[in-house]
């Protein structure tokens, strides 16, 4: 079996059993990345640029899950992040929503997804003048959550 077909099959398994779960995963990753970027109560354009770069370079290639409009579901990371930013949602509240989703859907978070999530969160946090104290605390919370 060609390697790219095998990888696509493995990625589909990795993302869980259903299209709905895949969509919810990406929506909640958008919440998480927003919470990390907004931990210091502001989002710099460099953080948004880094998120967009990573979604396009990494997350869009993760699987073949599509949203209800036939778009790659990983694009929902950006959509949710931008919606939360537009409406000025509280970072702690949004993080708690992600935490609840994670707790209820741990099988979706394979070691690979956890690793990519942590590296994306770290990259967003450090994209503007390095990580500050609030962002480091948020990253620490995430790391502890993934160890539970």
Protein backbone atom coordinates (compact mmCIF):
# COMPACT_ATOMS: atom_id res chain seq x y z
CA UNK A 1 0.00 0.00 0.00
CA UNK A 2 1.48 3.41 -0.93
CA UNK A 3 2.67 5.40 2.08
CA UNK A 4 0.38 8.39 1.43
CA UNK A 5 -2.73 6.17 1.45
CA UNK A 6 -1.56 4.52 4.67
CA UNK A 7 -0.93 7.92 6.28
CA UNK A 8 -4.37 9.19 5.24
CA UNK A 9 -5.99 6.09 6.77
CA UNK A 10 -4.00 6.49 9.97
CA UNK A 11 -4.88 10.18 10.18
CA UNK A 12 -8.58 9.39 9.71
CA UNK A 13 -8.39 6.89 12.57
CA UNK A 14 -6.47 9.40 14.66
CA UNK A 15 -9.19 12.00 14.33
CA UNK A 16 -11.84 9.76 15.84
CA UNK A 17 -14.86 7.91 14.67
CA UNK A 18 -17.14 10.58 13.28
CA UNK A 19 -17.16 13.69 11.16
CA UNK A 20 -18.99 15.46 13.98
CA UNK A 21 -16.23 14.63 16.46
CA UNK A 22 -13.58 15.84 14.02
CA UNK A 23 -15.39 19.13 13.55
CA UNK A 24 -15.83 19.58 17.29
CA UNK A 25 -12.15 18.82 17.84
CA UNK A 26 -11.07 21.58 15.47
CA UNK A 27 -13.59 24.05 16.91
CA UNK A 28 -12.23 23.38 20.38
CA UNK A 29 -8.64 23.71 19.23
CA UNK A 30 -9.63 27.16 17.95
CA UNK A 31 -10.88 27.93 21.46
CA UNK A 32 -7.68 26.66 23.03
CA UNK A 33 -5.39 28.65 20.74
CA UNK A 34 -7.49 31.76 21.36
CA UNK A 35 -7.21 31.22 25.13
CA UNK A 36 -3.43 30.94 24.87
CA UNK A 37 -3.08 34.04 22.70
CA UNK A 38 -5.55 36.03 24.84
CA UNK A 39 -4.04 34.93 28.17
CA UNK A 40 -2.40 38.36 28.52
CA UNK A 41 -5.69 40.11 27.56
CA UNK A 42 -4.51 41.08 24.08
CA UNK A 43 -3.81 39.40 20.77
CA UNK A 44 -1.05 40.78 18.62
CA UNK A 45 -1.26 40.50 14.84
CA UNK A 46 1.86 38.27 14.91
CA UNK A 47 -0.03 35.73 17.03
CA UNK A 48 -2.86 35.64 14.52
CA UNK A 49 -0.39 35.33 11.64
CA UNK A 50 1.36 32.44 13.39
CA UNK A 51 -1.96 30.66 13.96
CA UNK A 52 -2.90 31.04 10.28
CA UNK A 53 0.53 29.83 9.18
CA UNK A 54 0.37 26.72 11.37
CA UNK A 55 -3.20 25.87 10.40
CA UNK A 56 -2.23 26.00 6.72
CA UNK A 57 1.15 24.28 7.12
CA UNK A 58 0.18 21.55 9.60
CA UNK A 59 -3.46 21.21 10.58
CA UNK A 60 -5.08 21.22 7.11
CA UNK A 61 -3.03 18.14 6.20
CA UNK A 62 -3.99 16.17 9.30
CA UNK A 63 -6.96 14.30 7.85
CA UNK A 64 -9.77 14.34 5.33
CA UNK A 65 -12.53 15.54 7.68
CA UNK A 66 -14.70 18.24 6.14
CA UNK A 67 -17.24 20.56 7.69
CA UNK A 68 -20.85 20.78 6.56
CA UNK A 69 -19.84 23.03 3.65
CA UNK A 70 -17.22 20.71 2.18
CA UNK A 71 -14.32 22.76 3.54
CA UNK A 72 -11.43 21.13 5.39
CA UNK A 73 -12.62 21.01 8.99
CA UNK A 74 -9.25 22.22 10.30
CA UNK A 75 -10.11 25.65 8.88
CA UNK A 76 -12.57 25.90 11.77
CA UNK A 77 -9.59 26.52 14.05
CA UNK A 78 -9.17 29.92 12.41
CA UNK A 79 -12.89 30.60 12.13
CA UNK A 80 -13.58 29.96 15.81
CA UNK A 81 -10.46 31.89 16.89
CA UNK A 82 -11.51 34.92 14.81
CA UNK A 83 -15.11 34.76 16.05
CA UNK A 84 -13.95 34.69 19.67
CA UNK A 85 -11.62 37.61 18.96
CA UNK A 86 -14.37 39.62 17.28
CA UNK A 87 -16.67 39.17 20.25
CA UNK A 88 -13.93 39.67 22.87
CA UNK A 89 -14.56 36.46 24.74
CA UNK A 90 -12.84 35.85 28.09
CA UNK A 91 -9.74 33.64 27.74
CA UNK A 92 -10.35 31.75 31.00
CA UNK A 93 -13.96 30.93 30.09
CA UNK A 94 -12.91 29.74 26.65
CA UNK A 95 -10.09 27.63 28.10
CA UNK A 96 -12.54 25.98 30.49
CA UNK A 97 -14.78 25.09 27.53
CA UNK A 98 -11.77 23.45 25.85
CA UNK A 99 -10.87 21.65 29.08
CA UNK A 100 -14.40 20.24 29.36
CA UNK A 101 -14.32 19.08 25.74
CA UNK A 102 -10.95 17.42 26.31
CA UNK A 103 -12.16 15.63 29.44
CA UNK A 104 -15.24 14.31 27.63
CA UNK A 105 -13.36 13.34 24.45
CA UNK A 106 -9.91 12.11 25.50
CA UNK A 107 -9.74 9.37 22.83
CA UNK A 108 -9.66 12.08 20.13
CA UNK A 109 -6.44 13.42 21.62
CA UNK A 110 -3.88 10.92 20.44
CA UNK A 111 -0.23 11.49 21.37
CA UNK A 112 0.30 13.03 17.91
CA UNK A 113 -2.62 15.48 18.34
CA UNK A 114 -1.40 16.42 21.82
CA UNK A 115 2.12 17.02 20.52
CA UNK A 116 0.90 19.18 17.61
CA UNK A 117 -1.47 21.07 19.90
CA UNK A 118 1.31 21.84 22.39
CA UNK A 119 3.75 22.91 19.68
CA UNK A 120 1.11 25.12 18.04
CA UNK A 121 0.17 26.71 21.37
CA UNK A 122 3.85 27.35 22.20
CA UNK A 123 4.49 28.87 18.77
CA UNK A 124 1.52 31.21 19.10
CA UNK A 125 2.58 32.27 22.59
CA UNK A 126 6.16 32.99 21.54
CA UNK A 127 5.36 34.65 18.22
CA UNK A 128 5.31 38.16 19.67
CA UNK A 129 8.21 39.09 21.96
CA UNK A 130 8.45 35.59 23.41
CA UNK A 131 6.05 34.03 25.88
CA UNK A 132 4.94 36.20 28.77
CA UNK A 133 3.98 35.05 32.25
CA UNK A 134 0.24 34.75 31.53
CA UNK A 135 0.86 32.70 28.40
CA UNK A 136 3.35 30.45 30.21
CA UNK A 137 0.76 29.79 32.91
CA UNK A 138 -1.81 28.88 30.24
CA UNK A 139 0.71 26.56 28.54
CA UNK A 140 1.45 24.95 31.91
CA UNK A 141 -2.26 24.34 32.50
CA UNK A 142 -2.51 22.69 29.10
CA UNK A 143 0.49 20.48 29.70
CA UNK A 144 -0.96 19.33 33.03
CA UNK A 145 -4.32 18.69 31.41
CA UNK A 146 -2.75 16.51 28.73
CA UNK A 147 -0.94 14.49 31.41
CA UNK A 148 -4.20 13.73 33.27
